[in-house]
mmCIF file of all heavy atoms, coordinates in Angstrom:
data_MODEL
# 
_entry.id   MODEL 
# 
loop_
_atom_site.group_PDB 
_atom_site.id 
_atom_site.type_symbol 
_atom_site.label_atom_id 
_atom_site.label_alt_id 
_atom_site.label_comp_id 
_atom_site.label_asym_id 
_atom_site.label_entity_id 
_atom_site.label_seq_id 
_atom_site.pdbx_PDB_ins_code 
_atom_site.Cartn_x 
_atom_site.Cartn_y 
_atom_site.Cartn_z 
_atom_site.occupancy 
_atom_site.B_iso_or_equiv 
_atom_site.pdbx_formal_charge 
_atom_site.auth_seq_id 
_atom_site.auth_comp_id 
_atom_site.auth_asym_id 
_atom_site.auth_atom_id 
_atom_site.pdbx_PDB_model_num 
ATOM 1   N N   . ILE A 1 1  ? -19.994 -10.291 6.690   1.00 0.00 ? 1  ILE A N   1 
ATOM 2   C CA  . ILE A 1 1  ? -20.016 -8.910  7.234   1.00 0.00 ? 1  ILE A CA  1 
ATOM 3   C C   . ILE A 1 1  ? -19.385 -7.982  6.169   1.00 0.00 ? 1  ILE A C   1 
ATOM 4   O O   . ILE A 1 1  ? -18.611 -8.430  5.294   1.00 0.00 ? 1  ILE A O   1 
ATOM 5   C CB  . ILE A 1 1  ? -19.336 -8.747  8.606   1.00 0.00 ? 1  ILE A CB  1 
ATOM 6   C CG1 . ILE A 1 1  ? -17.839 -9.138  8.540   1.00 0.00 ? 1  ILE A CG1 1 
ATOM 7   C CG2 . ILE A 1 1  ? -20.010 -9.592  9.648   1.00 0.00 ? 1  ILE A CG2 1 
ATOM 8   C CD1 . ILE A 1 1  ? -17.097 -8.810  9.738   1.00 0.00 ? 1  ILE A CD1 1 
ATOM 9   N N   . ARG A 1 2  ? -19.677 -6.748  6.183   1.00 0.00 ? 2  ARG A N   1 
ATOM 10  C CA  . ARG A 1 2  ? -19.167 -5.736  5.347   1.00 0.00 ? 2  ARG A CA  1 
ATOM 11  C C   . ARG A 1 2  ? -19.550 -5.919  3.776   1.00 0.00 ? 2  ARG A C   1 
ATOM 12  O O   . ARG A 1 2  ? -18.666 -5.872  2.920   1.00 0.00 ? 2  ARG A O   1 
ATOM 13  C CB  . ARG A 1 2  ? -17.633 -5.556  5.412   1.00 0.00 ? 2  ARG A CB  1 
ATOM 14  C CG  . ARG A 1 2  ? -17.090 -5.509  6.827   1.00 0.00 ? 2  ARG A CG  1 
ATOM 15  C CD  . ARG A 1 2  ? -17.412 -4.168  7.594   1.00 0.00 ? 2  ARG A CD  1 
ATOM 16  N NE  . ARG A 1 2  ? -16.764 -4.226  8.758   1.00 0.00 ? 2  ARG A NE  1 
ATOM 17  C CZ  . ARG A 1 2  ? -17.407 -4.236  9.964   1.00 0.00 ? 2  ARG A CZ  1 
ATOM 18  N NH1 . ARG A 1 2  ? -18.734 -4.221  10.025  1.00 0.00 ? 2  ARG A NH1 1 
ATOM 19  N NH2 . ARG A 1 2  ? -16.712 -4.270  11.115  1.00 0.00 ? 2  ARG A NH2 1 
ATOM 20  N N   . LYS A 1 3  ? -20.704 -6.410  3.607   1.00 0.00 ? 3  LYS A N   1 
ATOM 21  C CA  . LYS A 1 3  ? -21.282 -6.568  2.288   1.00 0.00 ? 3  LYS A CA  1 
ATOM 22  C C   . LYS A 1 3  ? -21.027 -5.206  1.454   1.00 0.00 ? 3  LYS A C   1 
ATOM 23  O O   . LYS A 1 3  ? -21.339 -4.281  1.930   1.00 0.00 ? 3  LYS A O   1 
ATOM 24  C CB  . LYS A 1 3  ? -22.683 -7.033  2.250   1.00 0.00 ? 3  LYS A CB  1 
ATOM 25  C CG  . LYS A 1 3  ? -22.835 -8.457  2.774   1.00 0.00 ? 3  LYS A CG  1 
ATOM 26  C CD  . LYS A 1 3  ? -24.180 -8.886  2.845   1.00 0.00 ? 3  LYS A CD  1 
ATOM 27  C CE  . LYS A 1 3  ? -24.308 -10.307 3.562   1.00 0.00 ? 3  LYS A CE  1 
ATOM 28  N NZ  . LYS A 1 3  ? -25.557 -10.759 3.777   1.00 0.00 ? 3  LYS A NZ  1 
ATOM 29  N N   . GLY A 1 4  ? -20.681 -5.438  0.226   1.00 0.00 ? 4  GLY A N   1 
ATOM 30  C CA  . GLY A 1 4  ? -20.527 -4.217  -0.639  1.00 0.00 ? 4  GLY A CA  1 
ATOM 31  C C   . GLY A 1 4  ? -19.143 -3.544  -0.547  1.00 0.00 ? 4  GLY A C   1 
ATOM 32  O O   . GLY A 1 4  ? -18.885 -2.485  -1.081  1.00 0.00 ? 4  GLY A O   1 
ATOM 33  N N   . ARG A 1 5  ? -18.245 -4.118  0.304   1.00 0.00 ? 5  ARG A N   1 
ATOM 34  C CA  . ARG A 1 5  ? -16.881 -3.635  0.419   1.00 0.00 ? 5  ARG A CA  1 
ATOM 35  C C   . ARG A 1 5  ? -15.915 -4.543  -0.183  1.00 0.00 ? 5  ARG A C   1 
ATOM 36  O O   . ARG A 1 5  ? -16.104 -5.739  -0.167  1.00 0.00 ? 5  ARG A O   1 
ATOM 37  C CB  . ARG A 1 5  ? -16.570 -3.445  1.906   1.00 0.00 ? 5  ARG A CB  1 
ATOM 38  C CG  . ARG A 1 5  ? -17.649 -2.601  2.706   1.00 0.00 ? 5  ARG A CG  1 
ATOM 39  C CD  . ARG A 1 5  ? -17.582 -1.197  2.559   1.00 0.00 ? 5  ARG A CD  1 
ATOM 40  N NE  . ARG A 1 5  ? -16.440 -0.391  2.903   1.00 0.00 ? 5  ARG A NE  1 
ATOM 41  C CZ  . ARG A 1 5  ? -16.232 0.149   4.133   1.00 0.00 ? 5  ARG A CZ  1 
ATOM 42  N NH1 . ARG A 1 5  ? -17.120 -0.085  5.086   1.00 0.00 ? 5  ARG A NH1 1 
ATOM 43  N NH2 . ARG A 1 5  ? -15.099 0.794   4.272   1.00 0.00 ? 5  ARG A NH2 1 
ATOM 44  N N   . PRO A 1 6  ? -14.827 -4.054  -0.787  1.00 0.00 ? 6  PRO A N   1 
ATOM 45  C CA  . PRO A 1 6  ? -14.439 -2.600  -0.873  1.00 0.00 ? 6  PRO A CA  1 
ATOM 46  C C   . PRO A 1 6  ? -15.489 -1.877  -1.762  1.00 0.00 ? 6  PRO A C   1 
ATOM 47  O O   . PRO A 1 6  ? -15.815 -2.374  -2.897  1.00 0.00 ? 6  PRO A O   1 
ATOM 48  C CB  . PRO A 1 6  ? -13.099 -2.572  -1.397  1.00 0.00 ? 6  PRO A CB  1 
ATOM 49  C CG  . PRO A 1 6  ? -12.826 -3.929  -2.073  1.00 0.00 ? 6  PRO A CG  1 
ATOM 50  C CD  . PRO A 1 6  ? -13.843 -4.921  -1.438  1.00 0.00 ? 6  PRO A CD  1 
ATOM 51  N N   . SER A 1 7  ? -15.808 -0.777  -1.317  1.00 0.00 ? 7  SER A N   1 
ATOM 52  C CA  . SER A 1 7  ? -16.763 0.140   -2.006  1.00 0.00 ? 7  SER A CA  1 
ATOM 53  C C   . SER A 1 7  ? -16.072 1.040   -3.050  1.00 0.00 ? 7  SER A C   1 
ATOM 54  O O   . SER A 1 7  ? -14.736 1.032   -3.022  1.00 0.00 ? 7  SER A O   1 
ATOM 55  C CB  . SER A 1 7  ? -17.535 1.044   -1.053  1.00 0.00 ? 7  SER A CB  1 
ATOM 56  O OG  . SER A 1 7  ? -16.572 1.869   -0.362  1.00 0.00 ? 7  SER A OG  1 
ATOM 57  N N   . ALA A 1 8  ? -16.716 1.778   -3.786  1.00 0.00 ? 8  ALA A N   1 
ATOM 58  C CA  . ALA A 1 8  ? -16.052 2.840   -4.705  1.00 0.00 ? 8  ALA A CA  1 
ATOM 59  C C   . ALA A 1 8  ? -15.178 3.712   -3.879  1.00 0.00 ? 8  ALA A C   1 
ATOM 60  O O   . ALA A 1 8  ? -14.117 4.076   -4.317  1.00 0.00 ? 8  ALA A O   1 
ATOM 61  C CB  . ALA A 1 8  ? -17.093 3.549   -5.498  1.00 0.00 ? 8  ALA A CB  1 
ATOM 62  N N   . GLY A 1 9  ? -15.704 4.098   -2.766  1.00 0.00 ? 9  GLY A N   1 
ATOM 63  C CA  . GLY A 1 9  ? -14.848 4.946   -1.866  1.00 0.00 ? 9  GLY A CA  1 
ATOM 64  C C   . GLY A 1 9  ? -13.672 4.344   -1.363  1.00 0.00 ? 9  GLY A C   1 
ATOM 65  O O   . GLY A 1 9  ? -12.577 4.955   -1.331  1.00 0.00 ? 9  GLY A O   1 
ATOM 66  N N   . ASP A 1 10 ? -13.674 3.015   -1.040  1.00 0.00 ? 10 ASP A N   1 
ATOM 67  C CA  . ASP A 1 10 ? -12.493 2.316   -0.637  1.00 0.00 ? 10 ASP A CA  1 
ATOM 68  C C   . ASP A 1 10 ? -11.440 2.183   -1.741  1.00 0.00 ? 10 ASP A C   1 
ATOM 69  O O   . ASP A 1 10 ? -10.404 2.398   -1.544  1.00 0.00 ? 10 ASP A O   1 
ATOM 70  C CB  . ASP A 1 10 ? -12.860 0.872   -0.217  1.00 0.00 ? 10 ASP A CB  1 
ATOM 71  C CG  . ASP A 1 10 ? -13.764 0.851   1.020   1.00 0.00 ? 10 ASP A CG  1 
ATOM 72  O OD1 . ASP A 1 10 ? -13.530 1.636   2.002   1.00 0.00 ? 10 ASP A OD1 1 
ATOM 73  O OD2 . ASP A 1 10 ? -14.684 -0.005  1.078   1.00 0.00 ? 10 ASP A OD2 1 
ATOM 74  N N   . LEU A 1 11 ? -11.975 1.975   -3.004  1.00 0.00 ? 11 LEU A N   1 
ATOM 75  C CA  . LEU A 1 11 ? -11.005 1.907   -4.137  1.00 0.00 ? 11 LEU A CA  1 
ATOM 76  C C   . LEU A 1 11 ? -10.468 3.260   -4.384  1.00 0.00 ? 11 LEU A C   1 
ATOM 77  O O   . LEU A 1 11 ? -9.363  3.393   -4.890  1.00 0.00 ? 11 LEU A O   1 
ATOM 78  C CB  . LEU A 1 11 ? -11.715 1.264   -5.319  1.00 0.00 ? 11 LEU A CB  1 
ATOM 79  C CG  . LEU A 1 11 ? -12.246 -0.116  -5.107  1.00 0.00 ? 11 LEU A CG  1 
ATOM 80  C CD1 . LEU A 1 11 ? -13.056 -0.624  -6.343  1.00 0.00 ? 11 LEU A CD1 1 
ATOM 81  C CD2 . LEU A 1 11 ? -11.157 -1.069  -4.745  1.00 0.00 ? 11 LEU A CD2 1 
ATOM 82  N N   . GLU A 1 12 ? -11.220 4.282   -4.216  1.00 0.00 ? 12 GLU A N   1 
ATOM 83  C CA  . GLU A 1 12 ? -10.740 5.639   -4.401  1.00 0.00 ? 12 GLU A CA  1 
ATOM 84  C C   . GLU A 1 12 ? -9.610  5.886   -3.400  1.00 0.00 ? 12 GLU A C   1 
ATOM 85  O O   . GLU A 1 12 ? -8.623  6.473   -3.751  1.00 0.00 ? 12 GLU A O   1 
ATOM 86  C CB  . GLU A 1 12 ? -11.840 6.751   -4.307  1.00 0.00 ? 12 GLU A CB  1 
ATOM 87  C CG  . GLU A 1 12 ? -11.392 8.068   -4.360  1.00 0.00 ? 12 GLU A CG  1 
ATOM 88  C CD  . GLU A 1 12 ? -10.677 8.506   -5.761  1.00 0.00 ? 12 GLU A CD  1 
ATOM 89  O OE1 . GLU A 1 12 ? -10.736 7.793   -6.628  1.00 0.00 ? 12 GLU A OE1 1 
ATOM 90  O OE2 . GLU A 1 12 ? -10.092 9.658   -5.680  1.00 0.00 ? 12 GLU A OE2 1 
ATOM 91  N N   . ALA A 1 13 ? -9.824  5.498   -2.109  1.00 0.00 ? 13 ALA A N   1 
ATOM 92  C CA  . ALA A 1 13 ? -8.874  5.658   -1.036  1.00 0.00 ? 13 ALA A CA  1 
ATOM 93  C C   . ALA A 1 13 ? -7.509  4.906   -1.417  1.00 0.00 ? 13 ALA A C   1 
ATOM 94  O O   . ALA A 1 13 ? -6.486  5.375   -1.180  1.00 0.00 ? 13 ALA A O   1 
ATOM 95  C CB  . ALA A 1 13 ? -9.410  5.238   0.288   1.00 0.00 ? 13 ALA A CB  1 
ATOM 96  N N   . ALA A 1 14 ? -7.689  3.746   -2.062  1.00 0.00 ? 14 ALA A N   1 
ATOM 97  C CA  . ALA A 1 14 ? -6.496  2.998   -2.452  1.00 0.00 ? 14 ALA A CA  1 
ATOM 98  C C   . ALA A 1 14 ? -5.783  3.736   -3.613  1.00 0.00 ? 14 ALA A C   1 
ATOM 99  O O   . ALA A 1 14 ? -4.511  3.737   -3.661  1.00 0.00 ? 14 ALA A O   1 
ATOM 100 C CB  . ALA A 1 14 ? -6.948  1.535   -2.986  1.00 0.00 ? 14 ALA A CB  1 
ATOM 101 N N   . ARG A 1 15 ? -6.604  4.345   -4.422  1.00 0.00 ? 15 ARG A N   1 
ATOM 102 C CA  . ARG A 1 15 ? -5.897  5.127   -5.487  1.00 0.00 ? 15 ARG A CA  1 
ATOM 103 C C   . ARG A 1 15 ? -5.118  6.327   -4.964  1.00 0.00 ? 15 ARG A C   1 
ATOM 104 O O   . ARG A 1 15 ? -4.033  6.568   -5.328  1.00 0.00 ? 15 ARG A O   1 
ATOM 105 C CB  . ARG A 1 15 ? -6.924  5.572   -6.564  1.00 0.00 ? 15 ARG A CB  1 
ATOM 106 C CG  . ARG A 1 15 ? -6.356  6.292   -7.792  1.00 0.00 ? 15 ARG A CG  1 
ATOM 107 C CD  . ARG A 1 15 ? -7.435  6.905   -8.674  1.00 0.00 ? 15 ARG A CD  1 
ATOM 108 N NE  . ARG A 1 15 ? -8.085  8.032   -7.935  1.00 0.00 ? 15 ARG A NE  1 
ATOM 109 C CZ  . ARG A 1 15 ? -7.686  9.184   -7.649  1.00 0.00 ? 15 ARG A CZ  1 
ATOM 110 N NH1 . ARG A 1 15 ? -6.351  9.495   -7.980  1.00 0.00 ? 15 ARG A NH1 1 
ATOM 111 N NH2 . ARG A 1 15 ? -8.302  10.070  -7.054  1.00 0.00 ? 15 ARG A NH2 1 
ATOM 112 N N   . VAL A 1 16 ? -5.776  7.008   -4.103  1.00 0.00 ? 16 VAL A N   1 
ATOM 113 C CA  . VAL A 1 16 ? -5.146  8.237   -3.438  1.00 0.00 ? 16 VAL A CA  1 
ATOM 114 C C   . VAL A 1 16 ? -3.928  7.688   -2.666  1.00 0.00 ? 16 VAL A C   1 
ATOM 115 O O   . VAL A 1 16 ? -2.828  8.485   -2.659  1.00 0.00 ? 16 VAL A O   1 
ATOM 116 C CB  . VAL A 1 16 ? -6.067  8.922   -2.590  1.00 0.00 ? 16 VAL A CB  1 
ATOM 117 C CG1 . VAL A 1 16 ? -5.450  9.965   -1.731  1.00 0.00 ? 16 VAL A CG1 1 
ATOM 118 C CG2 . VAL A 1 16 ? -7.169  9.572   -3.438  1.00 0.00 ? 16 VAL A CG2 1 
ATOM 119 N N   . PHE A 1 17 ? -3.970  6.643   -1.925  1.00 0.00 ? 17 PHE A N   1 
ATOM 120 C CA  . PHE A 1 17 ? -2.803  6.015   -1.195  1.00 0.00 ? 17 PHE A CA  1 
ATOM 121 C C   . PHE A 1 17 ? -1.660  5.785   -2.186  1.00 0.00 ? 17 PHE A C   1 
ATOM 122 O O   . PHE A 1 17 ? -0.526  6.143   -1.958  1.00 0.00 ? 17 PHE A O   1 
ATOM 123 C CB  . PHE A 1 17 ? -3.200  4.815   -0.459  1.00 0.00 ? 17 PHE A CB  1 
ATOM 124 C CG  . PHE A 1 17 ? -2.067  4.068   0.073   1.00 0.00 ? 17 PHE A CG  1 
ATOM 125 C CD1 . PHE A 1 17 ? -1.531  4.351   1.337   1.00 0.00 ? 17 PHE A CD1 1 
ATOM 126 C CD2 . PHE A 1 17 ? -1.540  2.968   -0.558  1.00 0.00 ? 17 PHE A CD2 1 
ATOM 127 C CE1 . PHE A 1 17 ? -0.407  3.672   1.851   1.00 0.00 ? 17 PHE A CE1 1 
ATOM 128 C CE2 . PHE A 1 17 ? -0.373  2.323   0.035   1.00 0.00 ? 17 PHE A CE2 1 
ATOM 129 C CZ  . PHE A 1 17 ? 0.087   2.649   1.236   1.00 0.00 ? 17 PHE A CZ  1 
ATOM 130 N N   . ALA A 1 18 ? -1.976  5.127   -3.300  1.00 0.00 ? 18 ALA A N   1 
ATOM 131 C CA  . ALA A 1 18 ? -0.950  4.897   -4.286  1.00 0.00 ? 18 ALA A CA  1 
ATOM 132 C C   . ALA A 1 18 ? -0.337  6.133   -4.963  1.00 0.00 ? 18 ALA A C   1 
ATOM 133 O O   . ALA A 1 18 ? 0.879   6.117   -5.093  1.00 0.00 ? 18 ALA A O   1 
ATOM 134 C CB  . ALA A 1 18 ? -1.488  3.901   -5.382  1.00 0.00 ? 18 ALA A CB  1 
ATOM 135 N N   . GLU A 1 19 ? -1.153  7.013   -5.178  1.00 0.00 ? 19 GLU A N   1 
ATOM 136 C CA  . GLU A 1 19 ? -0.558  8.366   -5.635  1.00 0.00 ? 19 GLU A CA  1 
ATOM 137 C C   . GLU A 1 19 ? 0.396   8.991   -4.677  1.00 0.00 ? 19 GLU A C   1 
ATOM 138 O O   . GLU A 1 19 ? 1.461   9.518   -5.015  1.00 0.00 ? 19 GLU A O   1 
ATOM 139 C CB  . GLU A 1 19 ? -1.699  9.334   -5.986  1.00 0.00 ? 19 GLU A CB  1 
ATOM 140 C CG  . GLU A 1 19 ? -2.451  8.945   -7.343  1.00 0.00 ? 19 GLU A CG  1 
ATOM 141 C CD  . GLU A 1 19 ? -3.704  9.797   -7.619  1.00 0.00 ? 19 GLU A CD  1 
ATOM 142 O OE1 . GLU A 1 19 ? -4.007  10.613  -6.774  1.00 0.00 ? 19 GLU A OE1 1 
ATOM 143 O OE2 . GLU A 1 19 ? -4.206  9.666   -8.800  1.00 0.00 ? 19 GLU A OE2 1 
ATOM 144 N N   . GLY A 1 20 ? 0.016   8.989   -3.450  1.00 0.00 ? 20 GLY A N   1 
ATOM 145 C CA  . GLY A 1 20 ? 0.867   9.467   -2.298  1.00 0.00 ? 20 GLY A CA  1 
ATOM 146 C C   . GLY A 1 20 ? 2.191   8.783   -2.297  1.00 0.00 ? 20 GLY A C   1 
ATOM 147 O O   . GLY A 1 20 ? 3.219   9.380   -2.062  1.00 0.00 ? 20 GLY A O   1 
ATOM 148 N N   . LEU A 1 21 ? 2.119   7.492   -2.327  1.00 0.00 ? 21 LEU A N   1 
ATOM 149 C CA  . LEU A 1 21 ? 3.299   6.663   -2.356  1.00 0.00 ? 21 LEU A CA  1 
ATOM 150 C C   . LEU A 1 21 ? 4.134   7.013   -3.548  1.00 0.00 ? 21 LEU A C   1 
ATOM 151 O O   . LEU A 1 21 ? 5.422   7.132   -3.373  1.00 0.00 ? 21 LEU A O   1 
ATOM 152 C CB  . LEU A 1 21 ? 2.968   5.144   -2.513  1.00 0.00 ? 21 LEU A CB  1 
ATOM 153 C CG  . LEU A 1 21 ? 2.807   4.229   -1.350  1.00 0.00 ? 21 LEU A CG  1 
ATOM 154 C CD1 . LEU A 1 21 ? 2.422   2.889   -1.639  1.00 0.00 ? 21 LEU A CD1 1 
ATOM 155 C CD2 . LEU A 1 21 ? 3.982   4.294   -0.382  1.00 0.00 ? 21 LEU A CD2 1 
ATOM 156 N N   . ARG A 1 22 ? 3.637   7.085   -4.687  1.00 0.00 ? 22 ARG A N   1 
ATOM 157 C CA  . ARG A 1 22 ? 4.366   7.384   -5.922  1.00 0.00 ? 22 ARG A CA  1 
ATOM 158 C C   . ARG A 1 22 ? 5.081   8.772   -5.727  1.00 0.00 ? 22 ARG A C   1 
ATOM 159 O O   . ARG A 1 22 ? 6.214   8.935   -6.084  1.00 0.00 ? 22 ARG A O   1 
ATOM 160 C CB  . ARG A 1 22 ? 3.469   7.444   -7.079  1.00 0.00 ? 22 ARG A CB  1 
ATOM 161 C CG  . ARG A 1 22 ? 4.249   7.650   -8.416  1.00 0.00 ? 22 ARG A CG  1 
ATOM 162 C CD  . ARG A 1 22 ? 3.288   7.703   -9.533  1.00 0.00 ? 22 ARG A CD  1 
ATOM 163 N NE  . ARG A 1 22 ? 2.379   8.779   -9.490  1.00 0.00 ? 22 ARG A NE  1 
ATOM 164 C CZ  . ARG A 1 22 ? 1.252   8.948   -10.220 1.00 0.00 ? 22 ARG A CZ  1 
ATOM 165 N NH1 . ARG A 1 22 ? 0.911   8.055   -11.038 1.00 0.00 ? 22 ARG A NH1 1 
ATOM 166 N NH2 . ARG A 1 22 ? 0.492   9.997   -10.044 1.00 0.00 ? 22 ARG A NH2 1 
ATOM 167 N N   . ALA A 1 23 ? 4.372   9.783   -5.124  1.00 0.00 ? 23 ALA A N   1 
ATOM 168 C CA  . ALA A 1 23 ? 4.966   11.134  -4.966  1.00 0.00 ? 23 ALA A CA  1 
ATOM 169 C C   . ALA A 1 23 ? 6.066   11.040  -3.923  1.00 0.00 ? 23 ALA A C   1 
ATOM 170 O O   . ALA A 1 23 ? 7.094   11.576  -4.090  1.00 0.00 ? 23 ALA A O   1 
ATOM 171 C CB  . ALA A 1 23 ? 3.909   12.039  -4.451  1.00 0.00 ? 23 ALA A CB  1 
ATOM 172 N N   . ARG A 1 24 ? 5.862   10.346  -2.860  1.00 0.00 ? 24 ARG A N   1 
ATOM 173 C CA  . ARG A 1 24 ? 6.829   10.202  -1.749  1.00 0.00 ? 24 ARG A CA  1 
ATOM 174 C C   . ARG A 1 24 ? 8.129   9.392   -2.100  1.00 0.00 ? 24 ARG A C   1 
ATOM 175 O O   . ARG A 1 24 ? 9.226   9.825   -1.732  1.00 0.00 ? 24 ARG A O   1 
ATOM 176 C CB  . ARG A 1 24 ? 6.291   9.614   -0.500  1.00 0.00 ? 24 ARG A CB  1 
ATOM 177 C CG  . ARG A 1 24 ? 5.535   10.654  0.273   1.00 0.00 ? 24 ARG A CG  1 
ATOM 178 C CD  . ARG A 1 24 ? 5.026   10.057  1.530   1.00 0.00 ? 24 ARG A CD  1 
ATOM 179 N NE  . ARG A 1 24 ? 4.490   8.704   1.173   1.00 0.00 ? 24 ARG A NE  1 
ATOM 180 C CZ  . ARG A 1 24 ? 3.494   8.137   1.672   1.00 0.00 ? 24 ARG A CZ  1 
ATOM 181 N NH1 . ARG A 1 24 ? 2.936   8.605   2.836   1.00 0.00 ? 24 ARG A NH1 1 
ATOM 182 N NH2 . ARG A 1 24 ? 3.014   6.935   1.259   1.00 0.00 ? 24 ARG A NH2 1 
ATOM 183 N N   . VAL A 1 25 ? 7.810   8.244   -2.703  1.00 0.00 ? 25 VAL A N   1 
ATOM 184 C CA  . VAL A 1 25 ? 8.952   7.304   -3.034  1.00 0.00 ? 25 VAL A CA  1 
ATOM 185 C C   . VAL A 1 25 ? 9.642   7.733   -4.354  1.00 0.00 ? 25 VAL A C   1 
ATOM 186 O O   . VAL A 1 25 ? 10.742  7.433   -4.656  1.00 0.00 ? 25 VAL A O   1 
ATOM 187 C CB  . VAL A 1 25 ? 8.493   5.856   -3.097  1.00 0.00 ? 25 VAL A CB  1 
ATOM 188 C CG1 . VAL A 1 25 ? 9.607   4.935   -3.497  1.00 0.00 ? 25 VAL A CG1 1 
ATOM 189 C CG2 . VAL A 1 25 ? 7.939   5.532   -1.720  1.00 0.00 ? 25 VAL A CG2 1 
ATOM 190 N N   . GLY A 1 26 ? 8.857   8.367   -5.202  1.00 0.00 ? 26 GLY A N   1 
ATOM 191 C CA  . GLY A 1 26 ? 9.409   8.954   -6.488  1.00 0.00 ? 26 GLY A CA  1 
ATOM 192 C C   . GLY A 1 26 ? 9.663   7.936   -7.538  1.00 0.00 ? 26 GLY A C   1 
ATOM 193 O O   . GLY A 1 26 ? 10.758  7.856   -8.210  1.00 0.00 ? 26 GLY A O   1 
ATOM 194 N N   . THR A 1 27 ? 8.807   7.004   -7.634  1.00 0.00 ? 27 THR A N   1 
ATOM 195 C CA  . THR A 1 27 ? 8.821   5.927   -8.569  1.00 0.00 ? 27 THR A CA  1 
ATOM 196 C C   . THR A 1 27 ? 7.616   5.535   -9.280  1.00 0.00 ? 27 THR A C   1 
ATOM 197 O O   . THR A 1 27 ? 6.476   5.957   -8.779  1.00 0.00 ? 27 THR A O   1 
ATOM 198 C CB  . THR A 1 27 ? 9.444   4.619   -7.964  1.00 0.00 ? 27 THR A CB  1 
ATOM 199 O OG1 . THR A 1 27 ? 9.689   3.678   -8.975  1.00 0.00 ? 27 THR A OG1 1 
ATOM 200 C CG2 . THR A 1 27 ? 8.539   4.094   -6.957  1.00 0.00 ? 27 THR A CG2 1 
ATOM 201 N N   . GLU A 1 28 ? 7.574   4.840   -10.323 1.00 0.00 ? 28 GLU A N   1 
ATOM 202 C CA  . GLU A 1 28 ? 6.418   4.356   -11.007 1.00 0.00 ? 28 GLU A CA  1 
ATOM 203 C C   . GLU A 1 28 ? 6.393   2.901   -11.259 1.00 0.00 ? 28 GLU A C   1 
ATOM 204 O O   . GLU A 1 28 ? 5.687   2.304   -12.017 1.00 0.00 ? 28 GLU A O   1 
ATOM 205 C CB  . GLU A 1 28 ? 6.149   5.139   -12.289 1.00 0.00 ? 28 GLU A CB  1 
ATOM 206 C CG  . GLU A 1 28 ? 5.820   6.467   -12.146 1.00 0.00 ? 28 GLU A CG  1 
ATOM 207 C CD  . GLU A 1 28 ? 5.630   7.195   -13.411 1.00 0.00 ? 28 GLU A CD  1 
ATOM 208 O OE1 . GLU A 1 28 ? 5.637   6.555   -14.500 1.00 0.00 ? 28 GLU A OE1 1 
ATOM 209 O OE2 . GLU A 1 28 ? 5.248   8.432   -13.360 1.00 0.00 ? 28 GLU A OE2 1 
ATOM 210 N N   . SER A 1 29 ? 7.287   2.091   -10.483 1.00 0.00 ? 29 SER A N   1 
ATOM 211 C CA  . SER A 1 29 ? 7.329   0.679   -10.695 1.00 0.00 ? 29 SER A CA  1 
ATOM 212 C C   . SER A 1 29 ? 7.752   0.059   -9.335  1.00 0.00 ? 29 SER A C   1 
ATOM 213 O O   . SER A 1 29 ? 8.161   0.599   -8.441  1.00 0.00 ? 29 SER A O   1 
ATOM 214 C CB  . SER A 1 29 ? 8.175   0.202   -11.796 1.00 0.00 ? 29 SER A CB  1 
ATOM 215 O OG  . SER A 1 29 ? 9.502   0.624   -11.562 1.00 0.00 ? 29 SER A OG  1 
# 
């Protein structure tokens, strides 16, 4: 089930999530 996932949109959501974490937590590692 869910063939083709994670999709480009899912990976973009992961990138946005990580950017938000970086901004909130204030770290890069």
